[in-house]
């Protein structure tokens, strides 16, 4: 299927209010320099927005899409209703993961080449602070649900760096396996889960104690983490298998393994917890998984090298 680049306003004009009935999934495609838009009600790709030169990390909320551009070292702020780029903010060389705080007021961008996390106001994108971290090449910087902490993973590290958001500084590091990648918090903020790619494990961290309480064996090259809204399950993508595993939080055990496309990476789950969307980098697709019955529903073709998914 040939990709078409369509302004998101065309989607809204065509489907009217119905387009807003279900959340939209936004998928940044690194090589295509686009963001694919999927209607989660129909699981159809509705538009492909030209965005930046190498879109990577993505977060969304309150009518905005926030995307890091690895080529220009910028954070791009896009209007979710029209697909129009509102602002480009220089953050540093090779930015990757971006996170939006639960209250929608702050953004965190992991800047790999600077070994730093940049804090910005949302939705304006005004820089508030630049926090150096110990881990080299930070990939993800994820807010805890209460917004007090940022957990930062780094490609060249065996630790998760913890930033005190109010103090604007790193306060500790928590040892994990080699090459930590995706991070997810339980809804109540009591635990965080970190996928360590070269260790082949997911590490469960007690947030209050700042220590690992469980090591869960995953597949080959685990990287993406998504947490179910009910807090009873987490999902991890395995880049080399390729598959997604469902992990039971109570027992810290794998309860299902679902085959997906090649090189699954970052993921997102719908607010109702019904469906999980997985970006498959080498397949140029997004796999849609029934998050209750642990079955793949279908694959949706997107652009080249999809990095992840954000849903709003």
Protein backbone atom coordinates (compact mmCIF):
# COMPACT_ATOMS: atom_id res chain seq x y z
CA UNK A 1 0.00 0.00 0.00
CA UNK A 2 1.42 3.36 -0.99
CA UNK A 3 1.61 5.87 1.82
CA UNK A 4 -0.26 9.11 1.35
CA UNK A 5 0.39 12.28 3.29
CA UNK A 6 -2.87 13.77 4.42
CA UNK A 7 -3.51 16.66 6.77
CA UNK A 8 -5.32 15.47 9.88
CA UNK A 9 -7.96 18.15 9.34
CA UNK A 10 -9.11 16.14 6.31
CA UNK A 11 -9.77 13.20 8.63
CA UNK A 12 -11.86 15.37 10.91
CA UNK A 13 -13.71 16.99 8.03
CA UNK A 14 -14.53 13.60 6.53
CA UNK A 15 -15.63 11.82 9.69
CA UNK A 16 -16.87 14.80 11.68
CA UNK A 17 -17.59 14.16 15.33
CA UNK A 18 -17.28 10.41 14.79
CA UNK A 19 -13.53 10.81 14.44
CA UNK A 20 -13.42 11.95 18.05
CA UNK A 21 -15.48 9.04 19.38
CA UNK A 22 -12.41 6.85 19.93
CA UNK A 23 -8.81 7.78 20.70
CA UNK A 24 -6.33 8.20 17.89
CA UNK A 25 -2.99 6.40 17.84
CA UNK A 26 -0.01 8.41 16.57
CA UNK A 27 3.00 6.54 15.18
CA UNK A 28 6.28 8.34 14.34
CA UNK A 29 8.12 6.81 11.37
CA UNK A 30 11.84 7.60 11.52
CA UNK A 31 12.77 6.87 7.90
CA UNK A 32 9.56 8.19 6.32
CA UNK A 33 9.71 11.46 8.28
CA UNK A 34 6.02 11.14 9.04
CA UNK A 35 3.51 10.37 11.75
CA UNK A 36 0.83 7.82 10.88
CA UNK A 37 -2.60 8.36 12.44
CA UNK A 38 -4.72 5.32 13.32
CA UNK A 39 -8.37 5.42 14.36
CA UNK A 40 -8.54 2.97 17.26
CA UNK A 41 -12.27 2.42 16.69
CA UNK A 42 -11.75 0.94 13.22
CA UNK A 43 -8.01 0.16 13.38
CA UNK A 44 -7.51 1.87 10.05
CA UNK A 45 -4.68 4.20 9.17
CA UNK A 46 -6.39 7.45 8.36
CA UNK A 47 -3.56 9.87 7.63
CA UNK A 48 0.21 10.30 7.35
CA UNK A 49 1.48 13.67 8.53
CA UNK A 50 4.85 15.01 7.32
CA UNK A 51 6.73 15.76 10.54
CA UNK A 52 10.39 16.72 10.94
CA UNK A 53 13.29 14.82 9.40
CA UNK A 54 13.69 11.89 11.81
CA UNK A 55 10.71 11.68 14.18
CA UNK A 56 11.38 9.37 17.10
CA UNK A 57 10.04 9.82 20.63
CA UNK A 58 6.39 10.76 20.98
CA UNK A 59 3.96 11.85 23.67
CA UNK A 60 0.51 13.35 23.37
CA UNK A 61 -2.19 14.98 25.44
CA UNK A 62 -4.59 17.91 25.66
CA UNK A 63 -4.74 18.39 21.91
CA UNK A 64 -0.99 18.38 21.29
CA UNK A 65 1.51 15.87 19.91
CA UNK A 66 5.12 16.18 21.09
CA UNK A 67 7.76 14.57 18.87
CA UNK A 68 11.55 14.51 19.07
CA UNK A 69 13.43 14.99 15.81
CA UNK A 70 16.71 13.09 15.96
CA UNK A 71 18.08 14.87 12.89
CA UNK A 72 17.58 18.48 13.98
CA UNK A 73 17.89 18.00 17.74
CA UNK A 74 14.48 19.51 18.30
CA UNK A 75 11.18 18.90 20.04
CA UNK A 76 8.31 19.48 17.64
CA UNK A 77 4.93 20.57 18.96
CA UNK A 78 2.04 19.64 16.66
CA UNK A 79 -1.66 20.48 16.86
CA UNK A 80 -3.46 17.12 17.08
CA UNK A 81 -6.63 18.46 15.43
CA UNK A 82 -5.01 19.87 12.30
CA UNK A 83 -1.60 18.21 12.05
CA UNK A 84 -0.01 21.67 11.90
CA UNK A 85 3.40 22.13 13.49
CA UNK A 86 3.10 24.91 16.05
CA UNK A 87 6.65 25.16 17.29
CA UNK A 88 10.13 23.66 17.06
CA UNK A 89 12.28 23.84 20.20
CA UNK A 90 15.99 23.07 20.12
CA UNK A 91 16.80 20.61 22.95
CA UNK A 92 20.20 19.12 22.00
CA UNK A 93 21.84 16.51 19.80
CA UNK A 94 20.04 13.21 19.26
CA UNK A 95 16.93 13.56 21.42
CA UNK A 96 14.87 10.39 21.76
CA UNK A 97 12.19 9.62 24.36
CA UNK A 98 9.73 12.30 25.45
CA UNK A 99 7.32 12.07 28.36
CA UNK A 100 4.35 14.21 29.42
CA UNK A 101 3.53 14.52 33.11
CA UNK A 102 0.13 13.26 34.26
CA UNK A 103 -1.13 16.78 34.89
CA UNK A 104 -0.12 17.78 31.35
CA UNK A 105 2.05 20.69 32.52
CA UNK A 106 5.57 19.41 31.97
CA UNK A 107 7.60 17.56 29.36
CA UNK A 108 10.83 15.61 29.74
CA UNK A 109 13.11 14.88 26.79
CA UNK A 110 16.02 12.44 26.95
CA UNK A 111 18.93 13.90 24.96
CA UNK A 112 21.39 11.14 24.18
CA UNK A 113 24.52 12.99 23.07
CA UNK A 114 24.25 15.52 25.91
CA UNK A 115 23.71 12.87 28.62
CA UNK A 116 20.92 15.06 29.88
CA UNK A 117 17.19 15.35 30.37
CA UNK A 118 15.54 18.62 29.36
CA UNK A 119 12.44 19.74 31.25
CA UNK A 120 10.00 21.98 29.40
CA UNK A 121 6.64 23.55 30.09
CA UNK A 122 3.62 22.09 28.31
CA UNK A 123 2.10 22.94 25.96
CA UNK A 124 4.37 25.95 25.34
CA UNK A 125 7.69 24.08 25.15
CA UNK A 126 9.59 26.64 27.23
CA UNK A 127 12.79 25.18 28.69
CA UNK A 128 12.69 24.98 32.48
CA UNK A 129 15.84 23.04 33.31
CA UNK A 130 18.56 20.83 31.88
CA UNK A 131 19.55 17.98 34.18
CA UNK A 132 22.73 15.99 33.64
CA UNK A 133 22.50 12.25 34.30
CA UNK A 134 25.15 9.65 35.04
CA UNK A 135 24.01 7.07 32.48
CA UNK A 136 25.43 7.50 28.99
CA UNK A 137 23.06 7.94 26.02
CA UNK A 138 19.77 8.34 27.89
CA UNK A 139 16.93 6.94 25.80
CA UNK A 140 13.78 7.33 27.90
CA UNK A 141 12.86 9.77 30.66
CA UNK A 142 9.50 8.84 32.19
CA UNK A 143 7.49 10.70 34.85
CA UNK A 144 6.10 8.86 37.84
CA UNK A 145 2.28 9.20 38.05
CA UNK A 146 2.54 11.84 40.81
CA UNK A 147 5.11 13.82 38.83
CA UNK A 148 7.72 13.74 41.62
CA UNK A 149 10.27 11.55 39.87
CA UNK A 150 11.75 10.96 36.48
CA UNK A 151 13.20 7.53 35.75
CA UNK A 152 15.85 7.67 33.03
CA UNK A 153 17.22 4.70 31.07
CA UNK A 154 20.46 4.83 29.12
CA UNK A 155 21.75 2.61 26.32
CA UNK A 156 25.28 2.47 27.72
CA UNK A 157 24.45 1.78 31.35
CA UNK A 158 23.37 -0.83 33.86
CA UNK A 159 21.26 1.52 35.92
CA UNK A 160 18.18 3.70 35.99
CA UNK A 161 18.90 7.28 36.98
CA UNK A 162 16.33 8.96 39.24
CA UNK A 163 15.68 12.69 38.95
CA UNK A 164 13.89 14.70 41.62
CA UNK A 165 11.66 16.86 39.42
CA UNK A 166 11.14 19.68 41.95
CA UNK A 167 14.84 19.86 42.82
CA UNK A 168 15.86 19.58 39.15
CA UNK A 169 18.68 17.13 39.89
CA UNK A 170 19.56 13.46 39.88
CA UNK A 171 19.31 12.00 43.37
CA UNK A 172 20.23 8.34 42.90
CA UNK A 173 20.73 5.45 40.50
CA UNK A 174 19.15 1.99 40.71
CA UNK A 175 21.20 -0.91 39.31
CA UNK A 176 19.51 -3.04 36.61
CA UNK A 177 20.71 -5.17 33.69
CA UNK A 178 22.67 -4.08 30.65
CA UNK A 179 21.16 -1.58 28.23
CA UNK A 180 17.97 -0.50 29.98
CA UNK A 181 15.29 0.68 27.57
CA UNK A 182 11.55 1.08 28.14
CA UNK A 183 10.11 2.17 31.48
CA UNK A 184 6.57 2.04 32.84
CA UNK A 185 4.99 2.83 36.21
CA UNK A 186 1.98 1.17 37.82
CA UNK A 187 -0.96 3.61 38.00
CA UNK A 188 -0.52 4.01 41.77
CA UNK A 189 3.19 4.75 41.33
CA UNK A 190 4.30 2.01 43.71
CA UNK A 191 6.42 0.16 41.19
CA UNK A 192 8.31 0.84 38.00
CA UNK A 193 9.22 -1.73 35.36
CA UNK A 194 12.36 -1.47 33.24
CA UNK A 195 13.25 -3.61 30.23
CA UNK A 196 16.97 -4.33 29.95
CA UNK A 197 17.75 -5.35 26.40
CA UNK A 198 21.08 -7.17 26.74
CA UNK A 199 20.14 -8.78 30.05
CA UNK A 200 16.94 -10.23 28.57
CA UNK A 201 14.98 -9.26 31.68
CA UNK A 202 12.36 -6.90 33.05
CA UNK A 203 13.24 -5.40 36.43
CA UNK A 204 10.48 -4.52 38.91
CA UNK A 205 11.50 -1.60 41.11
CA UNK A 206 9.94 -0.60 44.43
CA UNK A 207 9.70 3.16 43.99
CA UNK A 208 9.64 3.99 47.71
CA UNK A 209 12.61 1.77 48.51
CA UNK A 210 14.45 2.57 45.26
CA UNK A 211 15.44 -1.05 44.83
CA UNK A 212 14.78 -3.98 42.50
CA UNK A 213 12.28 -6.43 43.99
CA UNK A 214 11.97 -8.86 41.07
CA UNK A 215 13.81 -9.89 37.91
CA UNK A 216 11.52 -11.33 35.24
CA UNK A 217 13.01 -13.29 32.37
CA UNK A 218 11.70 -11.91 29.07
CA UNK A 219 12.44 -12.79 25.44
CA UNK A 220 15.38 -11.75 23.32
CA UNK A 221 16.17 -8.03 23.40
CA UNK A 222 13.24 -6.75 25.50
CA UNK A 223 12.76 -3.02 25.07
CA UNK A 224 9.27 -1.47 25.08
CA UNK A 225 7.08 -1.39 28.21
CA UNK A 226 3.34 -0.68 28.45
CA UNK A 227 1.29 -0.85 31.65
CA UNK A 228 -2.37 -1.88 31.69
CA UNK A 229 -4.64 0.77 33.27
CA UNK A 230 -5.87 -1.74 35.85
CA UNK A 231 -2.31 -2.12 37.17
CA UNK A 232 -2.52 -5.90 37.08
CA UNK A 233 -0.49 -6.53 33.94
CA UNK A 234 2.42 -5.09 32.09
CA UNK A 235 3.54 -5.79 28.54
CA UNK A 236 7.08 -6.01 27.18
CA UNK A 237 8.14 -6.15 23.53
CA UNK A 238 10.97 -8.50 22.54
CA UNK A 239 12.88 -7.12 19.59
CA UNK A 240 14.60 -10.24 18.40
CA UNK A 241 11.90 -12.91 18.95
CA UNK A 242 9.72 -10.99 17.74
CA UNK A 243 6.93 -11.00 20.31
CA UNK A 244 5.13 -9.24 23.11
CA UNK A 245 4.85 -10.82 26.57
CA UNK A 246 2.15 -10.16 29.15
CA UNK A 247 3.41 -10.20 32.74
CA UNK A 248 1.20 -10.69 35.79
CA UNK A 249 2.10 -8.06 38.39
CA UNK A 250 1.06 -10.11 41.41
CA UNK A 251 3.22 -13.10 40.57
CA UNK A 252 5.90 -11.43 38.42
CA UNK A 253 5.40 -14.20 35.87
CA UNK A 254 4.87 -14.27 32.12
CA UNK A 255 1.29 -15.33 31.39
CA UNK A 256 1.21 -15.00 27.60
CA UNK A 257 3.45 -14.53 24.57
CA UNK A 258 2.01 -13.00 21.39
CA UNK A 259 3.80 -13.06 18.03
CA UNK A 260 3.99 -9.67 16.29
CA UNK A 261 5.94 -8.04 13.44
CA UNK A 262 9.70 -7.73 13.08
CA UNK A 263 11.63 -5.66 15.63
CA UNK A 264 8.78 -4.63 17.93
CA UNK A 265 9.73 -1.51 19.82
CA UNK A 266 7.67 0.95 21.81
CA UNK A 267 3.98 0.48 22.56
CA UNK A 268 0.84 2.11 23.91
CA UNK A 269 -2.45 0.83 25.29
CA UNK A 270 -5.91 2.36 24.89
CA UNK A 271 -7.33 4.16 27.96
CA UNK A 272 -9.96 1.44 28.42
CA UNK A 273 -7.24 -1.23 28.45
CA UNK A 274 -8.81 -3.17 25.59
CA UNK A 275 -6.11 -2.94 22.93
CA UNK A 276 -2.34 -2.70 22.78
CA UNK A 277 -0.60 -1.08 19.79
CA UNK A 278 2.98 -2.19 19.04
CA UNK A 279 5.33 -0.44 16.58
CA UNK A 280 7.26 -2.99 14.49
CA UNK A 281 10.36 -1.20 13.24
CA UNK A 282 11.51 -3.61 10.57
CA UNK A 283 8.05 -4.59 9.37
CA UNK A 284 6.83 -1.03 8.89
CA UNK A 285 3.66 -1.95 10.74
CA UNK A 286 1.73 -1.68 13.98
CA UNK A 287 0.37 -4.86 15.55
CA UNK A 288 -2.95 -4.56 17.37
CA UNK A 289 -3.28 -6.91 20.32
CA UNK A 290 -6.38 -7.82 22.32
CA UNK A 291 -5.00 -6.88 25.74
CA UNK A 292 -7.57 -8.98 27.59
CA UNK A 293 -7.39 -12.26 25.65
CA UNK A 294 -3.76 -11.86 24.57
CA UNK A 295 -4.38 -12.37 20.86
CA UNK A 296 -3.13 -10.38 17.90
CA UNK A 297 -6.02 -8.91 15.94
CA UNK A 298 -4.24 -7.52 12.90
CA UNK A 299 -1.24 -5.64 11.53
CA UNK A 300 -1.61 -2.10 10.20
CA UNK A 301 0.85 -0.85 7.61
CA UNK A 302 2.46 2.46 8.52
CA UNK A 303 5.68 4.19 7.41
CA UNK A 304 9.30 3.05 7.49
CA UNK A 305 10.95 2.39 10.85
CA UNK A 306 8.07 3.17 13.21
CA UNK A 307 9.53 4.06 16.62
CA UNK A 308 6.55 3.82 18.94
CA UNK A 309 2.93 4.76 19.60
CA UNK A 310 1.11 7.43 21.59
CA UNK A 311 -2.65 7.40 22.08
CA UNK A 312 -5.02 10.26 22.89
